Amino acid sequence: MKFGEKNVGTIDRAVRILAGCILLAGFVLNMVTAPLSYLVVFFGIMWLVTGAIGTCPAYTVLGISTL
């Protein structure tokens, strides 16, 4: 499996996008305190982007594909 190759299936993409939106909404609504808020934003953006583009670098490294 090469980097940049699609390896995230439809259901996985939907879950990632939904989870990313929930995490970012939690940050925007101040539901998370300061030290943890940076991790929430990082994971929210990461899951939103990997869900949108359909490629997960961690899946590539581990040889996983949910397609």
Protein backbone atom coordinates (compact mmCIF):
# COMPACT_ATOMS: atom_id res chain seq x y z
CA MET A 1 0.00 0.00 0.00
CA LYS A 2 1.39 3.44 -0.96
CA PHE A 3 1.01 6.77 0.82
CA GLY A 4 -1.88 8.78 -0.64
CA GLU A 5 -3.75 5.67 -1.74
CA LYS A 6 -7.38 5.58 -0.58
CA ASN A 7 -7.79 3.17 2.33
CA VAL A 8 -10.83 4.48 4.24
CA GLY A 9 -14.23 2.96 3.43
CA THR A 10 -17.59 4.73 3.23
CA ILE A 11 -18.83 3.92 6.74
CA ASP A 12 -15.41 4.70 8.22
CA ARG A 13 -15.38 8.04 6.39
CA ALA A 14 -18.85 8.95 7.67
CA VAL A 15 -17.89 8.08 11.26
CA ARG A 16 -14.66 10.09 10.99
CA ILE A 17 -16.44 13.15 9.60
CA LEU A 18 -19.16 12.96 12.25
CA ALA A 19 -16.63 12.50 15.08
CA GLY A 20 -14.51 15.37 13.77
CA CYS A 21 -17.52 17.68 13.63
CA ILE A 22 -18.58 16.69 17.16
CA LEU A 23 -15.09 17.33 18.56
CA LEU A 24 -14.78 20.69 16.84
CA ALA A 25 -18.28 21.70 17.99
CA GLY A 26 -17.30 20.80 21.54
CA PHE A 27 -14.30 23.09 21.23
CA VAL A 28 -16.27 25.95 19.68
CA LEU A 29 -18.93 25.70 22.41
CA ASN A 30 -16.23 25.76 25.15
CA MET A 31 -17.16 22.31 26.44
CA VAL A 32 -13.48 21.35 26.86
CA THR A 33 -10.93 22.95 29.20
CA ALA A 34 -7.57 24.40 28.17
CA PRO A 35 -4.96 21.61 28.16
CA LEU A 36 -7.33 19.09 26.62
CA SER A 37 -8.78 21.53 24.10
CA TYR A 38 -5.67 21.42 21.91
CA LEU A 39 -5.93 17.64 21.58
CA VAL A 40 -9.64 17.92 20.82
CA VAL A 41 -8.96 20.39 18.01
CA PHE A 42 -6.07 18.30 16.65
CA PHE A 43 -8.09 15.08 16.54
CA GLY A 44 -11.19 16.87 15.27
CA ILE A 45 -9.32 18.36 12.32
CA MET A 46 -7.39 15.15 11.68
CA TRP A 47 -10.53 12.98 11.59
CA LEU A 48 -12.40 15.52 9.48
CA VAL A 49 -9.60 15.72 6.91
CA THR A 50 -8.92 11.97 6.73
CA GLY A 51 -12.65 11.35 6.38
CA ALA A 52 -12.98 13.94 3.63
CA ILE A 53 -10.00 12.76 1.55
CA GLY A 54 -10.43 9.04 2.24
CA THR A 55 -6.81 8.39 3.17
CA CYS A 56 -5.41 7.65 6.62
CA PRO A 57 -1.62 7.68 7.03
CA ALA A 58 -1.85 5.47 10.14
CA TYR A 59 -3.81 2.86 8.17
CA THR A 60 -1.11 2.96 5.48
CA VAL A 61 1.68 2.37 8.00
CA LEU A 62 -0.25 -0.48 9.67
CA GLY A 63 -1.37 -2.00 6.35
CA ILE A 64 -5.08 -1.60 7.14
CA SER A 65 -7.81 -0.82 4.61
CA THR A 66 -11.53 -0.51 5.26
CA LEU A 67 -12.47 -0.20 1.61
